């Protein structure tokens, strides 16, 4: 069991996937950098991911230095407009 990473809205569109599973032991920043490089348009993906916030195991965070462990879930949430 690895880390389940789920992408929503613009992050999903930029990465070309709704989610993936990665091995634990990397930070949020490292996981996102790897995901951006693998995206159809790495520059666009990196720009979108730079503006995202996260739910790490259902707890809101903006701390990209958190180390992800096997069994964790990370939801990647781009800024949303509206109300």
Protein backbone atom coordinates (compact mmCIF):
# COMPACT_ATOMS: atom_id res chain seq x y z
CA UNK A 1 0.00 0.00 0.00
CA UNK A 2 1.41 3.35 -1.04
CA UNK A 3 0.22 6.94 -0.87
CA UNK A 4 -3.07 7.62 -2.68
CA UNK A 5 -2.91 11.01 -4.41
CA UNK A 6 -6.13 12.39 -5.87
CA UNK A 7 -6.22 15.40 -8.19
CA UNK A 8 -9.28 17.62 -8.59
CA UNK A 9 -10.49 20.24 -11.10
CA UNK A 10 -7.62 22.15 -12.77
CA UNK A 11 -5.00 19.87 -11.19
CA UNK A 12 -6.72 16.85 -12.71
CA UNK A 13 -6.86 18.54 -16.12
CA UNK A 14 -3.23 19.69 -16.01
CA UNK A 15 -1.90 16.29 -14.98
CA UNK A 16 -4.17 14.29 -17.26
CA UNK A 17 -5.23 11.97 -14.43
CA UNK A 18 -7.59 11.93 -11.48
CA UNK A 19 -5.14 10.19 -9.25
CA UNK A 20 -2.21 7.91 -8.72
CA UNK A 21 -0.46 5.85 -6.10
CA UNK A 22 3.11 6.62 -5.07
CA UNK A 23 5.54 5.11 -2.63
CA UNK A 24 5.76 6.81 0.77
CA UNK A 25 8.87 8.51 2.11
CA UNK A 26 8.68 11.61 -0.10
CA UNK A 27 7.43 15.07 0.76
CA UNK A 28 4.35 16.60 -0.80
CA UNK A 29 6.67 18.91 -2.77
CA UNK A 30 8.70 16.00 -4.13
CA UNK A 31 5.61 14.01 -5.11
CA UNK A 32 4.13 17.01 -6.92
CA UNK A 33 7.39 17.77 -8.73
CA UNK A 34 7.53 14.18 -10.00
CA UNK A 35 3.88 14.36 -11.09
CA UNK A 36 4.45 17.64 -12.96
CA UNK A 37 7.43 16.23 -14.88
CA UNK A 38 5.32 13.27 -16.02
CA UNK A 39 2.37 15.47 -17.11
CA UNK A 40 1.51 16.09 -20.78
CA UNK A 41 2.58 19.74 -20.32
CA UNK A 42 5.02 19.92 -17.38
CA UNK A 43 5.15 23.72 -17.32
CA UNK A 44 1.37 24.05 -17.10
CA UNK A 45 1.15 21.31 -14.48
CA UNK A 46 3.86 22.94 -12.35
CA UNK A 47 2.09 26.32 -12.53
CA UNK A 48 -1.24 24.81 -11.47
CA UNK A 49 0.29 22.72 -8.66
CA UNK A 50 2.12 25.79 -7.31
CA UNK A 51 -1.26 27.33 -6.41
CA UNK A 52 -2.83 24.24 -4.83
CA UNK A 53 -3.73 23.44 -1.25
CA UNK A 54 -4.07 19.97 0.18
CA UNK A 55 -5.99 17.60 2.38
CA UNK A 56 -3.48 15.27 4.00
CA UNK A 57 -5.41 12.41 5.56
CA UNK A 58 -8.50 14.67 5.49
CA UNK A 59 -6.74 17.56 7.30
CA UNK A 60 -6.24 20.83 5.40
CA UNK A 61 -2.64 21.93 4.93
CA UNK A 62 -0.47 24.11 2.73
CA UNK A 63 2.78 22.62 4.12
CA UNK A 64 4.62 21.00 1.23
CA UNK A 65 7.38 19.72 3.55
CA UNK A 66 5.12 17.02 5.07
CA UNK A 67 6.58 13.58 4.44
CA UNK A 68 4.01 11.18 3.05
CA UNK A 69 3.86 7.66 4.44
CA UNK A 70 2.42 4.49 2.96
CA UNK A 71 -1.30 4.42 3.76
CA UNK A 72 -1.68 8.22 3.56
CA UNK A 73 -4.14 10.02 1.28
CA UNK A 74 -3.35 13.37 -0.32
CA UNK A 75 -6.07 15.37 -2.07
CA UNK A 76 -4.70 18.13 -4.32
CA UNK A 77 -7.11 21.05 -4.52
CA UNK A 78 -6.58 23.99 -6.85
CA UNK A 79 -8.08 27.37 -5.95
CA UNK A 80 -11.83 27.40 -6.41
CA UNK A 81 -13.93 30.43 -7.32
CA UNK A 82 -17.52 31.06 -6.39
CA UNK A 83 -19.44 30.52 -3.24
